[in-house]
Amino acid sequence: MIIKILLPPYQAGQCYQRNLPCILSLLDKVDLGLIKSIVIDGYMHLDEGKIGLR
């Protein structure tokens, strides 16, 4: 399955505006009654160029 979504430009501190629409689109295509858990993994660049989870 290929899903294409137009994403807005990245804005520091606003990753949910870019990532959440993609996640919600995928969840709309899945029978959530068959799923026990969902794990979302990722990273972002923090202040001073540090990489980490927030």
N, C-alpha and C. Protein backbone atom coordinates (compact mmCIF):
# COMPACT_ATOMS: atom_id res chain seq x y z
N MET A 1 0.84 -1.16 0.00
CA MET A 1 0.00 0.00 0.00
C MET A 1 0.90 1.24 0.00
N ILE A 2 0.60 2.16 -0.87
CA ILE A 2 1.34 3.43 -0.91
C ILE A 2 0.37 4.54 -0.57
N ILE A 3 0.76 5.36 0.40
CA ILE A 3 -0.07 6.49 0.81
C ILE A 3 0.76 7.75 0.62
N LYS A 4 0.23 8.69 -0.12
CA LYS A 4 0.93 9.96 -0.33
C LYS A 4 0.18 11.07 0.40
N ILE A 5 0.91 11.82 1.20
CA ILE A 5 0.34 12.92 1.96
C ILE A 5 1.23 14.13 1.77
N LEU A 6 0.63 15.27 1.44
CA LEU A 6 1.40 16.51 1.35
C LEU A 6 1.67 17.02 2.75
N LEU A 7 2.94 17.24 3.05
CA LEU A 7 3.32 17.67 4.38
C LEU A 7 3.67 19.14 4.40
N PRO A 8 3.29 19.82 5.48
CA PRO A 8 3.70 21.23 5.61
C PRO A 8 5.19 21.30 5.90
N PRO A 9 5.79 22.47 5.71
CA PRO A 9 7.22 22.61 6.03
C PRO A 9 7.47 22.37 7.52
N TYR A 10 8.68 21.90 7.83
CA TYR A 10 9.05 21.67 9.22
C TYR A 10 9.08 23.00 9.98
N GLN A 11 8.56 22.97 11.22
CA GLN A 11 8.63 24.11 12.12
C GLN A 11 9.14 23.59 13.46
N ALA A 12 10.22 24.16 13.93
CA ALA A 12 10.81 23.72 15.20
C ALA A 12 9.77 23.75 16.31
N GLY A 13 9.71 22.67 17.09
CA GLY A 13 8.78 22.59 18.21
C GLY A 13 7.36 22.26 17.83
N GLN A 14 7.09 22.06 16.56
CA GLN A 14 5.74 21.79 16.08
C GLN A 14 5.67 20.49 15.29
N CYS A 15 6.43 19.48 15.71
CA CYS A 15 6.51 18.24 14.92
C CYS A 15 5.15 17.56 14.78
N TYR A 16 4.25 17.77 15.73
CA TYR A 16 2.93 17.13 15.65
C TYR A 16 2.16 17.63 14.43
N GLN A 17 2.39 18.85 13.99
CA GLN A 17 1.68 19.38 12.82
C GLN A 17 2.11 18.67 11.55
N ARG A 18 3.32 18.17 11.53
CA ARG A 18 3.83 17.49 10.34
C ARG A 18 3.59 15.98 10.42
N ASN A 19 3.78 15.39 11.59
CA ASN A 19 3.72 13.93 11.74
C ASN A 19 2.33 13.40 12.05
N LEU A 20 1.56 14.11 12.83
CA LEU A 20 0.25 13.61 13.26
C LEU A 20 -0.70 13.32 12.10
N PRO A 21 -0.79 14.16 11.07
CA PRO A 21 -1.68 13.82 9.96
C PRO A 21 -1.32 12.49 9.29
N CYS A 22 -0.05 12.18 9.20
CA CYS A 22 0.37 10.90 8.61
C CYS A 22 -0.08 9.74 9.47
N ILE A 23 0.12 9.86 10.76
CA ILE A 23 -0.26 8.79 11.69
C ILE A 23 -1.78 8.59 11.67
N LEU A 24 -2.54 9.67 11.70
CA LEU A 24 -4.00 9.56 11.69
C LEU A 24 -4.50 8.96 10.38
N SER A 25 -3.86 9.30 9.27
CA SER A 25 -4.25 8.73 7.98
C SER A 25 -4.05 7.22 7.97
N LEU A 26 -2.93 6.76 8.51
CA LEU A 26 -2.69 5.31 8.58
C LEU A 26 -3.70 4.62 9.50
N LEU A 27 -4.00 5.24 10.63
CA LEU A 27 -4.95 4.64 11.57
C LEU A 27 -6.34 4.53 10.97
N ASP A 28 -6.71 5.44 10.08
CA ASP A 28 -8.01 5.38 9.41
C ASP A 28 -8.12 4.17 8.49
N LYS A 29 -6.99 3.62 8.08
CA LYS A 29 -6.98 2.51 7.12
C LYS A 29 -6.82 1.14 7.79
N VAL A 30 -6.79 1.11 9.12
CA VAL A 30 -6.56 -0.13 9.86
C VAL A 30 -7.76 -0.43 10.75
N ASP A 31 -8.09 -1.70 10.88
CA ASP A 31 -9.14 -2.12 11.81
C ASP A 31 -8.54 -2.10 13.22
N LEU A 32 -8.80 -1.05 13.97
CA LEU A 32 -8.21 -0.88 15.30
C LEU A 32 -8.68 -1.95 16.29
N GLY A 33 -9.75 -2.63 15.99
CA GLY A 33 -10.22 -3.72 16.84
C GLY A 33 -9.28 -4.91 16.82
N LEU A 34 -8.42 -4.98 15.83
CA LEU A 34 -7.47 -6.09 15.71
C LEU A 34 -6.11 -5.76 16.31
N ILE A 35 -5.94 -4.54 16.78
CA ILE A 35 -4.63 -4.10 17.27
C ILE A 35 -4.66 -3.94 18.78
N LYS A 36 -3.63 -4.47 19.44
CA LYS A 36 -3.53 -4.35 20.90
C LYS A 36 -2.69 -3.14 21.30
N SER A 37 -1.70 -2.80 20.50
CA SER A 37 -0.87 -1.64 20.83
C SER A 37 -0.27 -1.06 19.56
N ILE A 38 0.11 0.20 19.65
CA ILE A 38 0.76 0.89 18.55
C ILE A 38 2.01 1.55 19.12
N VAL A 39 3.14 1.31 18.49
CA VAL A 39 4.41 1.91 18.92
C VAL A 39 4.87 2.86 17.83
N ILE A 40 5.14 4.09 18.21
CA ILE A 40 5.66 5.08 17.27
C ILE A 40 7.03 5.48 17.78
N ASP A 41 8.02 5.30 16.93
CA ASP A 41 9.40 5.58 17.31
C ASP A 41 9.95 6.66 16.39
N GLY A 42 10.77 7.52 16.93
CA GLY A 42 11.34 8.56 16.10
C GLY A 42 12.36 9.36 16.88
N TYR A 43 12.94 10.31 16.22
CA TYR A 43 13.89 11.20 16.87
C TYR A 43 13.72 12.59 16.28
N MET A 44 14.30 13.54 16.93
CA MET A 44 14.28 14.91 16.42
C MET A 44 15.55 15.61 16.86
N HIS A 45 15.86 16.69 16.22
CA HIS A 45 17.01 17.49 16.59
C HIS A 45 16.57 18.48 17.68
N LEU A 46 17.26 18.43 18.80
CA LEU A 46 16.96 19.33 19.89
C LEU A 46 17.85 20.56 19.80
N ASP A 47 17.79 21.43 20.79
CA ASP A 47 18.62 22.63 20.79
C ASP A 47 20.10 22.27 20.63
N GLU A 48 20.83 23.14 20.05
CA GLU A 48 22.28 23.00 19.87
C GLU A 48 22.65 21.79 19.01
N GLY A 49 21.74 21.35 18.14
CA GLY A 49 22.05 20.26 17.24
C GLY A 49 22.03 18.87 17.84
N LYS A 50 21.61 18.75 19.13
CA LYS A 50 21.55 17.44 19.78
C LYS A 50 20.39 16.64 19.19
N ILE A 51 20.60 15.33 19.03
CA ILE A 51 19.55 14.45 18.54
C ILE A 51 19.00 13.69 19.74
N GLY A 52 17.67 13.55 19.82
CA GLY A 52 17.10 12.79 20.94
C GLY A 52 15.59 12.78 20.89
N LEU A 53 15.01 12.01 21.77
CA LEU A 53 13.55 11.96 21.91
C LEU A 53 13.11 13.13 22.78
N ARG A 54 11.93 13.58 22.55
CA ARG A 54 11.42 14.70 23.32
C ARG A 54 10.14 14.35 23.99
